[in-house]
């Protein structure tokens, strides 16, 4: 959370909504919202939304993950950008969908390795 608050405080200064002294105080106080609600929401979208990748829908980090020679990946939260990167960078790799921990059959297939067998 500290890095996020640091980025948020620096963004507020860059947007002309705060001064350096304000950013310093906010970095020390991680409960502050230096932009106010509308600008805060815009900051969240810009920070966590789609980034400029090869096709504008994934980050360089997501592309690097998909270039690794893994047969599968599991994430704790669904991120469509990983699917976009997979489709472009590894078109031969088929998606198995987006099951969750509540999908007993799919969880069983991952646990037993059946999902990874061709």
PDB file of N, CA and C in Angstrom:
ATOM      1  N   UNK A   1       0.825  -1.197   0.000  1.00  0.00           N
ATOM      2  CA  UNK A   1       0.000   0.000   0.000  1.00  0.00           C
ATOM      3  C   UNK A   1       0.867   1.257   0.000  1.00  0.00           C
ATOM      4  N   UNK A   2       2.049   1.187   0.594  1.00  0.00           N
ATOM      5  CA  UNK A   2       2.913   2.350   0.677  1.00  0.00           C
ATOM      6  C   UNK A   2       3.310   2.889  -0.681  1.00  0.00           C
ATOM      7  N   UNK A   3       3.669   1.994  -1.599  1.00  0.00           N
ATOM      8  CA  UNK A   3       4.062   2.423  -2.947  1.00  0.00           C
ATOM      9  C   UNK A   3       2.871   3.060  -3.663  1.00  0.00           C
ATOM     10  N   UNK A   4       1.688   2.492  -3.465  1.00  0.00           N
ATOM     11  CA  UNK A   4       0.490   3.040  -4.085  1.00  0.00           C
ATOM     12  C   UNK A   4       0.236   4.462  -3.601  1.00  0.00           C
ATOM     13  N   UNK A   5       0.314   4.682  -2.298  1.00  0.00           N
ATOM     14  CA  UNK A   5       0.108   6.020  -1.739  1.00  0.00           C
ATOM     15  C   UNK A   5       1.179   6.975  -2.266  1.00  0.00           C
ATOM     16  N   UNK A   6       2.407   6.475  -2.376  1.00  0.00           N
ATOM     17  CA  UNK A   6       3.488   7.305  -2.923  1.00  0.00           C
ATOM     18  C   UNK A   6       3.161   7.738  -4.352  1.00  0.00           C
ATOM     19  N   UNK A   7       2.722   6.806  -5.180  1.00  0.00           N
ATOM     20  CA  UNK A   7       2.355   7.128  -6.565  1.00  0.00           C
ATOM     21  C   UNK A   7       1.170   8.087  -6.610  1.00  0.00           C
ATOM     22  N   UNK A   8       0.205   7.849  -5.758  1.00  0.00           N
ATOM     23  CA  UNK A   8      -0.974   8.709  -5.707  1.00  0.00           C
ATOM     24  C   UNK A   8      -0.597  10.134  -5.310  1.00  0.00           C
ATOM     25  N   UNK A   9       0.257  10.270  -4.311  1.00  0.00           N
ATOM     26  CA  UNK A   9       0.692  11.597  -3.863  1.00  0.00           C
ATOM     27  C   UNK A   9       1.463  12.305  -4.977  1.00  0.00           C
ATOM     28  N   UNK A  10       2.357  11.589  -5.650  1.00  0.00           N
ATOM     29  CA  UNK A  10       3.123  12.187  -6.741  1.00  0.00           C
ATOM     30  C   UNK A  10       2.220  12.584  -7.908  1.00  0.00           C
ATOM     31  N   UNK A  11       1.188  11.785  -8.151  1.00  0.00           N
ATOM     32  CA  UNK A  11       0.238  12.107  -9.208  1.00  0.00           C
ATOM     33  C   UNK A  11      -0.524  13.387  -8.869  1.00  0.00           C
ATOM     34  N   UNK A  12      -0.904  13.541  -7.602  1.00  0.00           N
ATOM     35  CA  UNK A  12      -1.610  14.753  -7.176  1.00  0.00           C
ATOM     36  C   UNK A  12      -0.754  15.991  -7.420  1.00  0.00           C
ATOM     37  N   UNK A  13       0.551  15.889  -7.154  1.00  0.00           N
ATOM     38  CA  UNK A  13       1.460  17.010  -7.402  1.00  0.00           C
ATOM     39  C   UNK A  13       1.567  17.261  -8.901  1.00  0.00           C
ATOM     40  N   UNK A  14       1.723  16.197  -9.676  1.00  0.00           N
ATOM     41  CA  UNK A  14       1.847  16.333 -11.132  1.00  0.00           C
ATOM     42  C   UNK A  14       0.588  16.931 -11.756  1.00  0.00           C
ATOM     43  N   UNK A  15      -0.569  16.658 -11.179  1.00  0.00           N
ATOM     44  CA  UNK A  15      -1.835  17.196 -11.681  1.00  0.00           C
ATOM     45  C   UNK A  15      -2.086  18.622 -11.201  1.00  0.00           C
ATOM     46  N   UNK A  16      -1.176  19.149 -10.374  1.00  0.00           N
ATOM     47  CA  UNK A  16      -1.347  20.503  -9.864  1.00  0.00           C
ATOM     48  C   UNK A  16      -2.378  20.599  -8.756  1.00  0.00           C
ATOM     49  N   UNK A  17      -2.727  19.473  -8.158  1.00  0.00           N
ATOM     50  CA  UNK A  17      -3.728  19.448  -7.094  1.00  0.00           C
ATOM     51  C   UNK A  17      -3.106  19.481  -5.711  1.00  0.00           C
ATOM     52  N   UNK A  18      -1.774  19.442  -5.662  1.00  0.00           N
ATOM     53  CA  UNK A  18      -1.082  19.438  -4.379  1.00  0.00           C
ATOM     54  C   UNK A  18       0.336  19.967  -4.573  1.00  0.00           C
ATOM     55  N   UNK A  19       0.955  20.298  -3.465  1.00  0.00           N
ATOM     56  CA  UNK A  19       2.344  20.741  -3.475  1.00  0.00           C
ATOM     57  C   UNK A  19       3.222  19.626  -2.925  1.00  0.00           C
ATOM     58  N   UNK A  20       4.519  19.765  -3.126  1.00  0.00           N
ATOM     59  CA  UNK A  20       5.456  18.744  -2.652  1.00  0.00           C
ATOM     60  C   UNK A  20       5.309  18.480  -1.152  1.00  0.00           C
ATOM     61  N   UNK A  21       5.092  19.556  -0.373  1.00  0.00           N
ATOM     62  CA  UNK A  21       4.952  19.376   1.080  1.00  0.00           C
ATOM     63  C   UNK A  21       3.726  18.514   1.402  1.00  0.00           C
ATOM     64  N   UNK A  22       2.654  18.652   0.590  1.00  0.00           N
ATOM     65  CA  UNK A  22       1.469  17.821   0.792  1.00  0.00           C
ATOM     66  C   UNK A  22       1.785  16.357   0.506  1.00  0.00           C
ATOM     67  N   UNK A  23       2.495  16.130  -0.596  1.00  0.00           N
ATOM     68  CA  UNK A  23       2.855  14.761  -0.968  1.00  0.00           C
ATOM     69  C   UNK A  23       3.681  14.107   0.131  1.00  0.00           C
ATOM     70  N   UNK A  24       4.583  14.846   0.696  1.00  0.00           N
ATOM     71  CA  UNK A  24       5.419  14.308   1.778  1.00  0.00           C
ATOM     72  C   UNK A  24       4.548  13.888   2.966  1.00  0.00           C
ATOM     73  N   UNK A  25       3.581  14.722   3.320  1.00  0.00           N
ATOM     74  CA  UNK A  25       2.688  14.406   4.444  1.00  0.00           C
ATOM     75  C   UNK A  25       1.838  13.182   4.132  1.00  0.00           C
ATOM     76  N   UNK A  26       1.307  13.105   2.921  1.00  0.00           N
ATOM     77  CA  UNK A  26       0.468  11.962   2.547  1.00  0.00           C
ATOM     78  C   UNK A  26       1.247  10.660   2.532  1.00  0.00           C
ATOM     79  N   UNK A  27       2.498  10.739   2.115  1.00  0.00           N
ATOM     80  CA  UNK A  27       3.328   9.532   2.101  1.00  0.00           C
ATOM     81  C   UNK A  27       3.531   9.008   3.517  1.00  0.00           C
ATOM     82  N   UNK A  28       3.522   9.916   4.488  1.00  0.00           N
ATOM     83  CA  UNK A  28       3.662   9.515   5.889  1.00  0.00           C
ATOM     84  C   UNK A  28       2.325   9.053   6.470  1.00  0.00           C
ATOM     85  N   UNK A  29       1.219   9.542   5.919  1.00  0.00           N
ATOM     86  CA  UNK A  29      -0.130   9.215   6.406  1.00  0.00           C
ATOM     87  C   UNK A  29      -0.858   8.430   5.326  1.00  0.00           C
ATOM     88  N   UNK A  30      -0.857   7.131   5.422  1.00  0.00           N
ATOM     89  CA  UNK A  30      -1.400   6.281   4.358  1.00  0.00           C
ATOM     90  C   UNK A  30      -2.923   6.206   4.336  1.00  0.00           C
ATOM     91  N   UNK A  31      -3.601   6.990   5.175  1.00  0.00           N
ATOM     92  CA  UNK A  31      -5.065   6.985   5.157  1.00  0.00           C
ATOM     93  C   UNK A  31      -5.635   8.131   4.336  1.00  0.00           C
ATOM     94  N   UNK A  32      -4.794   9.016   3.830  1.00  0.00           N
ATOM     95  CA  UNK A  32      -5.256  10.187   3.086  1.00  0.00           C
ATOM     96  C   UNK A  32      -5.674   9.833   1.666  1.00  0.00           C
ATOM     97  N   UNK A  33      -6.568  10.623   1.106  1.00  0.00           N
ATOM     98  CA  UNK A  33      -6.940  10.547  -0.303  1.00  0.00           C
ATOM     99  C   UNK A  33      -6.660  11.925  -0.888  1.00  0.00           C
ATOM    100  N   UNK A  34      -5.469  12.144  -1.438  1.00  0.00           N
ATOM    101  CA  UNK A  34      -5.056  13.486  -1.826  1.00  0.00           C
ATOM    102  C   UNK A  34      -5.761  14.066  -3.038  1.00  0.00           C
ATOM    103  N   UNK A  35      -6.462  13.269  -3.822  1.00  0.00           N
ATOM    104  CA  UNK A  35      -7.071  13.788  -5.044  1.00  0.00           C
ATOM    105  C   UNK A  35      -8.553  14.108  -4.920  1.00  0.00           C
ATOM    106  N   UNK A  36      -9.227  13.572  -3.933  1.00  0.00           N
ATOM    107  CA  UNK A  36     -10.676  13.663  -3.914  1.00  0.00           C
ATOM    108  C   UNK A  36     -11.245  12.524  -4.754  1.00  0.00           C
ATOM    109  N   UNK A  37     -12.506  12.231  -4.594  1.00  0.00           N
ATOM    110  CA  UNK A  37     -13.105  11.034  -5.202  1.00  0.00           C
ATOM    111  C   UNK A  37     -13.010  10.942  -6.730  1.00  0.00           C
ATOM    112  N   UNK A  38     -13.420  11.949  -7.506  1.00  0.00           N
ATOM    113  CA  UNK A  38     -13.367  11.793  -8.969  1.00  0.00           C
ATOM    114  C   UNK A  38     -11.961  11.580  -9.507  1.00  0.00           C
ATOM    115  N   UNK A  39     -11.013  12.387  -9.045  1.00  0.00           N
ATOM    116  CA  UNK A  39      -9.640  12.228  -9.517  1.00  0.00           C
ATOM    117  C   UNK A  39      -9.020  10.931  -8.998  1.00  0.00           C
ATOM    118  N   UNK A  40      -9.414  10.529  -7.806  1.00  0.00           N
ATOM    119  CA  UNK A  40      -8.934   9.257  -7.250  1.00  0.00           C
ATOM    120  C   UNK A  40      -9.389   8.100  -8.138  1.00  0.00           C
ATOM    121  N   UNK A  41     -10.650   8.115  -8.544  1.00  0.00           N
ATOM    122  CA  UNK A  41     -11.180   7.059  -9.424  1.00  0.00           C
ATOM    123  C   UNK A  41     -10.443   7.066 -10.770  1.00  0.00           C
ATOM    124  N   UNK A  42     -10.180   8.237 -11.312  1.00  0.00           N
ATOM    125  CA  UNK A  42      -9.424   8.322 -12.563  1.00  0.00           C
ATOM    126  C   UNK A  42      -8.013   7.766 -12.394  1.00  0.00           C
ATOM    127  N   UNK A  43      -7.397   8.077 -11.256  1.00  0.00           N
ATOM    128  CA  UNK A  43      -6.067   7.557 -10.975  1.00  0.00           C
ATOM    129  C   UNK A  43      -6.088   6.028 -10.905  1.00  0.00           C
ATOM    130  N   UNK A  44      -7.087   5.463 -10.252  1.00  0.00           N
ATOM    131  CA  UNK A  44      -7.190   4.003 -10.172  1.00  0.00           C
ATOM    132  C   UNK A  44      -7.318   3.385 -11.563  1.00  0.00           C
ATOM    133  N   UNK A  45      -8.160   3.986 -12.399  1.00  0.00           N
ATOM    134  CA  UNK A  45      -8.312   3.468 -13.770  1.00  0.00           C
ATOM    135  C   UNK A  45      -6.993   3.547 -14.536  1.00  0.00           C
ATOM    136  N   UNK A  46      -6.295   4.667 -14.410  1.00  0.00           N
ATOM    137  CA  UNK A  46      -5.030   4.835 -15.125  1.00  0.00           C
ATOM    138  C   UNK A  46      -3.955   3.888 -14.594  1.00  0.00           C
ATOM    139  N   UNK A  47      -3.971   3.626 -13.295  1.00  0.00           N
ATOM    140  CA  UNK A  47      -2.956   2.772 -12.685  1.00  0.00           C
ATOM    141  C   UNK A  47      -3.211   1.296 -12.930  1.00  0.00           C
ATOM    142  N   UNK A  48      -4.467   0.874 -12.810  1.00  0.00           N
ATOM    143  CA  UNK A  48      -4.769  -0.553 -12.866  1.00  0.00           C
ATOM    144  C   UNK A  48      -5.520  -0.978 -14.119  1.00  0.00           C
ATOM    145  N   UNK A  49      -5.879  -0.027 -14.966  1.00  0.00           N
ATOM    146  CA  UNK A  49      -6.600  -0.359 -16.188  1.00  0.00           C
ATOM    147  C   UNK A  49      -5.671  -0.868 -17.274  1.00  0.00           C
ATOM    148  N   UNK A  50      -6.208  -1.103 -18.451  1.00  0.00           N
ATOM    149  CA  UNK A  50      -5.382  -1.581 -19.570  1.00  0.00           C
ATOM    150  C   UNK A  50      -4.236  -0.621 -19.851  1.00  0.00           C
ATOM    151  N   UNK A  51      -3.111  -1.178 -20.203  1.00  0.00           N
ATOM    152  CA  UNK A  51      -1.920  -0.392 -20.500  1.00  0.00           C
ATOM    153  C   UNK A  51      -1.555  -0.542 -21.956  1.00  0.00           C
ATOM    154  N   UNK A  52      -0.615   0.249 -22.369  1.00  0.00           N
ATOM    155  CA  UNK A  52      -0.127   0.182 -23.733  1.00  0.00           C
ATOM    156  C   UNK A  52       0.836  -0.993 -23.882  1.00  0.00           C
ATOM    157  N   UNK A  53       0.342  -2.088 -24.418  1.00  0.00           N
ATOM    158  CA  UNK A  53       1.188  -3.216 -24.775  1.00  0.00           C
ATOM    159  C   UNK A  53       1.277  -3.224 -26.278  1.00  0.00           C
ATOM    160  N   UNK A  54       1.640  -4.352 -26.841  1.00  0.00           N
ATOM    161  CA  UNK A  54       1.736  -4.447 -28.294  1.00  0.00           C
ATOM    162  C   UNK A  54       0.422  -4.053 -28.948  1.00  0.00           C
ATOM    163  N   UNK A  55      -0.691  -4.423 -28.328  1.00  0.00           N
ATOM    164  CA  UNK A  55      -1.991  -4.069 -28.891  1.00  0.00           C
ATOM    165  C   UNK A  55      -2.788  -3.149 -27.974  1.00  0.00           C
ATOM    166  N   UNK A  56      -2.154  -2.626 -26.915  1.00  0.00           N
ATOM    167  CA  UNK A  56      -2.808  -1.671 -26.030  1.00  0.00           C
ATOM    168  C   UNK A  56      -3.663  -2.275 -24.938  1.00  0.00           C
ATOM    169  N   UNK A  57      -3.646  -3.598 -24.776  1.00  0.00           N
ATOM    170  CA  UNK A  57      -4.520  -4.211 -23.781  1.00  0.00           C
ATOM    171  C   UNK A  57      -3.785  -4.935 -22.669  1.00  0.00           C
ATOM    172  N   UNK A  58      -2.457  -4.911 -22.652  1.00  0.00           N
ATOM    173  CA  UNK A  58      -1.709  -5.559 -21.587  1.00  0.00           C
ATOM    174  C   UNK A  58      -0.375  -4.857 -21.383  1.00  0.00           C
ATOM    175  N   UNK A  59       0.209  -5.088 -20.217  1.00  0.00           N
ATOM    176  CA  UNK A  59       1.465  -4.425 -19.864  1.00  0.00           C
ATOM    177  C   UNK A  59       2.666  -5.251 -20.319  1.00  0.00           C
ATOM    178  N   UNK A  60       3.835  -4.636 -20.268  1.00  0.00           N
ATOM    179  CA  UNK A  60       5.077  -5.343 -20.593  1.00  0.00           C
ATOM    180  C   UNK A  60       5.315  -6.478 -19.596  1.00  0.00           C
ATOM    181  N   UNK A  61       4.928  -6.275 -18.346  1.00  0.00           N
ATOM    182  CA  UNK A  61       5.080  -7.328 -17.337  1.00  0.00           C
ATOM    183  C   UNK A  61       4.190  -8.519 -17.663  1.00  0.00           C
ATOM    184  N   UNK A  62       2.955  -8.256 -18.052  1.00  0.00           N
ATOM    185  CA  UNK A  62       2.062  -9.343 -18.424  1.00  0.00           C
ATOM    186  C   UNK A  62       2.580 -10.086 -19.653  1.00  0.00           C
ATOM    187  N   UNK A  63       3.141  -9.351 -20.602  1.00  0.00           N
ATOM    188  CA  UNK A  63       3.729  -9.987 -21.787  1.00  0.00           C
ATOM    189  C   UNK A  63       4.907 -10.871 -21.377  1.00  0.00           C
ATOM    190  N   UNK A  64       5.745 -10.385 -20.468  1.00  0.00           N
ATOM    191  CA  UNK A  64       6.895 -11.177 -20.015  1.00  0.00           C
ATOM    192  C   UNK A  64       6.443 -12.466 -19.338  1.00  0.00           C
ATOM    193  N   UNK A  65       5.392 -12.388 -18.541  1.00  0.00           N
ATOM    194  CA  UNK A  65       4.856 -13.598 -17.893  1.00  0.00           C
ATOM    195  C   UNK A  65       4.415 -14.628 -18.926  1.00  0.00           C
ATOM    196  N   UNK A  66       3.751 -14.156 -19.962  1.00  0.00           N
ATOM    197  CA  UNK A  66       3.234 -15.081 -20.969  1.00  0.00           C
ATOM    198  C   UNK A  66       4.328 -15.620 -21.879  1.00  0.00           C
ATOM    199  N   UNK A  67       5.476 -14.993 -21.898  1.00  0.00           N
ATOM    200  CA  UNK A  67       6.600 -15.501 -22.697  1.00  0.00           C
ATOM    201  C   UNK A  67       7.364 -16.611 -21.969  1.00  0.00           C
ATOM    202  N   UNK A  68       7.142 -16.726 -20.665  1.00  0.00           N
ATOM    203  CA  UNK A  68       7.809 -17.789 -19.908  1.00  0.00           C
ATOM    204  C   UNK A  68       7.281 -19.145 -20.373  1.00  0.00           C
ATOM    205  N   UNK A  69       8.133 -20.171 -20.384  1.00  0.00           N
ATOM    206  CA  UNK A  69       7.725 -21.467 -20.937  1.00  0.00           C
ATOM    207  C   UNK A  69       6.905 -22.329 -19.967  1.00  0.00           C
ATOM    208  N   UNK A  70       5.865 -21.775 -19.390  1.00  0.00           N
ATOM    209  CA  UNK A  70       4.983 -22.523 -18.502  1.00  0.00           C
ATOM    210  C   UNK A  70       3.845 -23.139 -19.295  1.00  0.00           C
ATOM    211  N   UNK A  71       3.353 -24.270 -18.842  1.00  0.00           N
ATOM    212  CA  UNK A  71       2.223 -24.908 -19.497  1.00  0.00           C
ATOM    213  C   UNK A  71       0.903 -24.288 -19.050  1.00  0.00           C
ATOM    214  N   UNK A  72       0.915 -23.629 -17.913  1.00  0.00           N
ATOM    215  CA  UNK A  72      -0.314 -23.027 -17.395  1.00  0.00           C
ATOM    216  C   UNK A  72       0.050 -21.968 -16.364  1.00  0.00           C
ATOM    217  N   UNK A  73      -0.911 -21.148 -16.042  1.00  0.00           N
ATOM    218  CA  UNK A  73      -0.747 -20.205 -14.951  1.00  0.00           C
ATOM    219  C   UNK A  73      -2.060 -20.092 -14.201  1.00  0.00           C
ATOM    220  N   UNK A  74      -1.932 -19.816 -12.919  1.00  0.00           N
ATOM    221  CA  UNK A  74      -3.080 -19.640 -12.038  1.00  0.00           C
ATOM    222  C   UNK A  74      -2.887 -18.310 -11.350  1.00  0.00           C
ATOM    223  N   UNK A  75      -3.949 -17.558 -11.215  1.00  0.00           N
ATOM    224  CA  UNK A  75      -3.869 -16.257 -10.567  1.00  0.00           C
ATOM    225  C   UNK A  75      -4.914 -16.185  -9.464  1.00  0.00           C
ATOM    226  N   UNK A  76      -4.667 -15.327  -8.501  1.00  0.00           N
ATOM    227  CA  UNK A  76      -5.622 -15.174  -7.409  1.00  0.00           C
ATOM    228  C   UNK A  76      -6.771 -14.246  -7.780  1.00  0.00           C
ATOM    229  N   UNK A  77      -6.632 -13.562  -8.887  1.00  0.00           N
ATOM    230  CA  UNK A  77      -7.733 -12.730  -9.377  1.00  0.00           C
ATOM    231  C   UNK A  77      -7.710 -12.738 -10.902  1.00  0.00           C
ATOM    232  N   UNK A  78      -8.865 -12.791 -11.498  1.00  0.00           N
ATOM    233  CA  UNK A  78      -8.944 -12.841 -12.955  1.00  0.00           C
ATOM    234  C   UNK A  78      -8.481 -11.524 -13.557  1.00  0.00           C
ATOM    235  N   UNK A  79      -7.633 -11.615 -14.546  1.00  0.00           N
ATOM    236  CA  UNK A  79      -7.114 -10.430 -15.220  1.00  0.00           C
ATOM    237  C   UNK A  79      -7.233 -10.661 -16.722  1.00  0.00           C
ATOM    238  N   UNK A  80      -8.181 -10.017 -17.398  1.00  0.00           N
ATOM    239  CA  UNK A  80      -8.350 -10.263 -18.831  1.00  0.00           C
ATOM    240  C   UNK A  80      -7.119  -9.890 -19.647  1.00  0.00           C
ATOM    241  N   UNK A  81      -6.265  -9.015 -19.123  1.00  0.00           N
ATOM    242  CA  UNK A  81      -5.062  -8.640 -19.864  1.00  0.00           C
ATOM    243  C   UNK A  81      -4.158  -9.845 -20.095  1.00  0.00           C
ATOM    244  N   UNK A  82      -4.139 -10.792 -19.160  1.00  0.00           N
ATOM    245  CA  UNK A  82      -3.347 -12.008 -19.359  1.00  0.00           C
ATOM    246  C   UNK A  82      -3.885 -12.805 -20.540  1.00  0.00           C
ATOM    247  N   UNK A  83      -5.189 -12.851 -20.693  1.00  0.00           N
ATOM    248  CA  UNK A  83      -5.779 -13.533 -21.848  1.00  0.00           C
ATOM    249  C   UNK A  83      -5.432 -12.815 -23.148  1.00  0.00           C
ATOM    250  N   UNK A  84      -5.451 -11.491 -23.133  1.00  0.00           N
ATOM    251  CA  UNK A  84      -5.091 -10.732 -24.331  1.00  0.00           C
ATOM    252  C   UNK A  84      -3.639 -11.015 -24.724  1.00  0.00           C
ATOM    253  N   UNK A  85      -2.751 -10.999 -23.732  1.00  0.00           N
ATOM    254  CA  UNK A  85      -1.337 -11.263 -24.003  1.00  0.00           C
ATOM    255  C   UNK A  85      -1.148 -12.696 -24.503  1.00  0.00           C
ATOM    256  N   UNK A  86      -1.826 -13.654 -23.888  1.00  0.00           N
ATOM    257  CA  UNK A  86      -1.714 -15.044 -24.319  1.00  0.00           C
ATOM    258  C   UNK A  86      -2.173 -15.208 -25.756  1.00  0.00           C
ATOM    259  N   UNK A  87      -3.288 -14.616 -26.100  1.00  0.00           N
ATOM    260  CA  UNK A  87      -3.836 -14.751 -27.452  1.00  0.00           C
ATOM    261  C   UNK A  87      -2.876 -14.192 -28.501  1.00  0.00           C
ATOM    262  N   UNK A  88      -2.196 -13.098 -28.174  1.00  0.00           N
ATOM    263  CA  UNK A  88      -1.286 -12.495 -29.145  1.00  0.00           C
ATOM    264  C   UNK A  88       0.091 -13.139 -29.147  1.00  0.00           C
ATOM    265  N   UNK A  89       0.630 -13.426 -27.966  1.00  0.00           N
ATOM    266  CA  UNK A  89       2.008 -13.891 -27.870  1.00  0.00           C
ATOM    267  C   UNK A  89       2.152 -15.408 -27.964  1.00  0.00           C
ATOM    268  N   UNK A  90       1.100 -16.122 -27.609  1.00  0.00           N
ATOM    269  CA  UNK A  90       1.140 -17.588 -27.663  1.00  0.00           C
ATOM    270  C   UNK A  90      -0.156 -18.102 -28.299  1.00  0.00           C
ATOM    271  N   UNK A  91      -0.381 -17.786 -29.562  1.00  0.00           N
ATOM    272  CA  UNK A  91      -1.652 -18.148 -30.196  1.00  0.00           C
ATOM    273  C   UNK A  91      -1.890 -19.652 -30.257  1.00  0.00           C
ATOM    274  N   UNK A  92      -0.828 -20.433 -30.175  1.00  0.00           N
ATOM    275  CA  UNK A  92      -0.995 -21.890 -30.177  1.00  0.00           C
ATOM    276  C   UNK A  92      -1.493 -22.414 -28.840  1.00  0.00           C
ATOM    277  N   UNK A  93      -1.420 -21.582 -27.816  1.00  0.00           N
ATOM    278  CA  UNK A  93      -1.828 -21.966 -26.475  1.00  0.00           C
ATOM    279  C   UNK A  93      -3.322 -21.689 -26.300  1.00  0.00           C
ATOM    280  N   UNK A  94      -4.060 -22.729 -26.029  1.00  0.00           N
ATOM    281  CA  UNK A  94      -5.504 -22.574 -25.861  1.00  0.00           C
ATOM    282  C   UNK A  94      -5.852 -22.183 -24.437  1.00  0.00           C
ATOM    283  N   UNK A  95      -6.841 -21.357 -24.286  1.00  0.00           N
ATOM    284  CA  UNK A  95      -7.320 -20.977 -22.967  1.00  0.00           C
ATOM    285  C   UNK A  95      -8.219 -22.069 -22.434  1.00  0.00           C
ATOM    286  N   UNK A  96      -8.129 -22.307 -21.145  1.00  0.00           N
ATOM    287  CA  UNK A  96      -9.018 -23.289 -20.513  1.00  0.00           C
ATOM    288  C   UNK A  96     -10.164 -22.594 -19.803  1.00  0.00           C
ATOM    289  N   UNK A  97     -10.326 -21.318 -20.068  1.00  0.00           N
ATOM    290  CA  UNK A  97     -11.399 -20.575 -19.436  1.00  0.00           C
ATOM    291  C   UNK A  97     -10.940 -19.916 -18.155  1.00  0.00           C
ATOM    292  N   UNK A  98     -11.901 -19.505 -17.380  1.00  0.00           N
ATOM    293  CA  UNK A  98     -11.596 -18.807 -16.131  1.00  0.00           C
ATOM    294  C   UNK A  98     -12.367 -19.421 -14.969  1.00  0.00           C
ATOM    295  N   UNK A  99     -12.094 -20.682 -14.657  1.00  0.00           N
ATOM    296  CA  UNK A  99     -12.787 -21.286 -13.518  1.00  0.00           C
ATOM    297  C   UNK A  99     -12.334 -20.645 -12.208  1.00  0.00           C
ATOM    298  N   UNK A 100     -13.157 -20.758 -11.207  1.00  0.00           N
ATOM    299  CA  UNK A 100     -12.822 -20.247  -9.881  1.00  0.00           C
ATOM    300  C   UNK A 100     -12.725 -21.414  -8.909  1.00  0.00           C
ATOM    301  N   UNK A 101     -12.377 -21.123  -7.695  1.00  0.00           N
ATOM    302  CA  UNK A 101     -12.262 -22.149  -6.662  1.00  0.00           C
ATOM    303  C   UNK A 101     -13.598 -22.843  -6.403  1.00  0.00           C
ATOM    304  N   UNK A 102     -14.692 -22.217  -6.836  1.00  0.00           N
ATOM    305  CA  UNK A 102     -16.005 -22.817  -6.633  1.00  0.00           C
ATOM    306  C   UNK A 102     -16.373 -23.839  -7.713  1.00  0.00           C
ATOM    307  N   UNK A 103     -15.573 -23.942  -8.771  1.00  0.00           N
ATOM    308  CA  UNK A 103     -15.839 -24.891  -9.860  1.00  0.00           C
ATOM    309  C   UNK A 103     -15.130 -26.207  -9.549  1.00  0.00           C
ATOM    310  N   UNK A 104     -15.814 -27.061  -8.766  1.00  0.00           N
ATOM    311  CA  UNK A 104     -15.203 -28.279  -8.251  1.00  0.00           C
ATOM    312  C   UNK A 104     -14.549 -29.144  -9.323  1.00  0.00           C
ATOM    313  N   UNK A 105     -15.227 -29.344 -10.442  1.00  0.00           N
ATOM    314  CA  UNK A 105     -14.668 -30.201 -11.487  1.00  0.00           C
ATOM    315  C   UNK A 105     -13.360 -29.636 -12.041  1.00  0.00           C
ATOM    316  N   UNK A 106     -13.333 -28.338 -12.291  1.00  0.00           N
ATOM    317  CA  UNK A 106     -12.120 -27.724 -12.823  1.00  0.00           C
ATOM    318  C   UNK A 106     -10.998 -27.734 -11.794  1.00  0.00           C
ATOM    319  N   UNK A 107     -11.311 -27.449 -10.547  1.00  0.00           N
ATOM    320  CA  UNK A 107     -10.292 -27.487  -9.496  1.00  0.00           C
ATOM    321  C   UNK A 107      -9.717 -28.899  -9.405  1.00  0.00           C
ATOM    322  N   UNK A 108     -10.561 -29.897  -9.473  1.00  0.00           N
ATOM    323  CA  UNK A 108     -10.101 -31.283  -9.428  1.00  0.00           C
ATOM    324  C   UNK A 108      -9.170 -31.580 -10.604  1.00  0.00           C
ATOM    325  N   UNK A 109      -9.534 -31.126 -11.788  1.00  0.00           N
ATOM    326  CA  UNK A 109      -8.706 -31.376 -12.970  1.00  0.00           C
ATOM    327  C   UNK A 109      -7.344 -30.694 -12.863  1.00  0.00           C
ATOM    328  N   UNK A 110      -7.282 -29.509 -12.263  1.00  0.00           N
ATOM    329  CA  UNK A 110      -5.994 -28.843 -12.047  1.00  0.00           C
ATOM    330  C   UNK A 110      -5.190 -29.595 -10.980  1.00  0.00           C
ATOM    331  N   UNK A 111      -5.857 -29.975  -9.898  1.00  0.00           N
ATOM    332  CA  UNK A 111      -5.167 -30.647  -8.795  1.00  0.00           C
ATOM    333  C   UNK A 111      -4.572 -31.976  -9.233  1.00  0.00           C
ATOM    334  N   UNK A 112      -5.277 -32.715 -10.061  1.00  0.00           N
ATOM    335  CA  UNK A 112      -4.789 -34.022 -10.509  1.00  0.00           C
ATOM    336  C   UNK A 112      -3.859 -33.926 -11.713  1.00  0.00           C
ATOM    337  N   UNK A 113      -3.789 -32.765 -12.338  1.00  0.00           N
ATOM    338  CA  UNK A 113      -2.959 -32.606 -13.519  1.00  0.00           C
ATOM    339  C   UNK A 113      -3.692 -32.916 -14.810  1.00  0.00           C
ATOM    340  N   UNK A 114      -4.934 -33.359 -14.722  1.00  0.00           N
ATOM    341  CA  UNK A 114      -5.706 -33.680 -15.929  1.00  0.00           C
ATOM    342  C   UNK A 114      -5.852 -32.473 -16.851  1.00  0.00           C
ATOM    343  N   UNK A 115      -5.938 -31.292 -16.293  1.00  0.00           N
ATOM    344  CA  UNK A 115      -6.120 -30.085 -17.088  1.00  0.00           C
ATOM    345  C   UNK A 115      -4.905 -29.807 -17.975  1.00  0.00           C
ATOM    346  N   UNK A 116      -3.732 -30.292 -17.544  1.00  0.00           N
ATOM    347  CA  UNK A 116      -2.494 -30.027 -18.270  1.00  0.00           C
ATOM    348  C   UNK A 116      -2.149 -31.107 -19.289  1.00  0.00           C
ATOM    349  N   UNK A 117      -2.868 -32.200 -19.280  1.00  0.00           N
ATOM    350  CA  UNK A 117      -2.590 -33.266 -20.236  1.00  0.00           C
ATOM    351  C   UNK A 117      -3.193 -32.913 -21.587  1.00  0.00           C
ATOM    352  N   UNK A 118      -2.441 -33.148 -22.621  1.00  0.00           N
ATOM    353  CA  UNK A 118      -2.924 -32.839 -23.984  1.00  0.00           C
ATOM    354  C   UNK A 118      -3.747 -33.965 -24.530  1.00  0.00           C
TER     355      UNK A 118
END
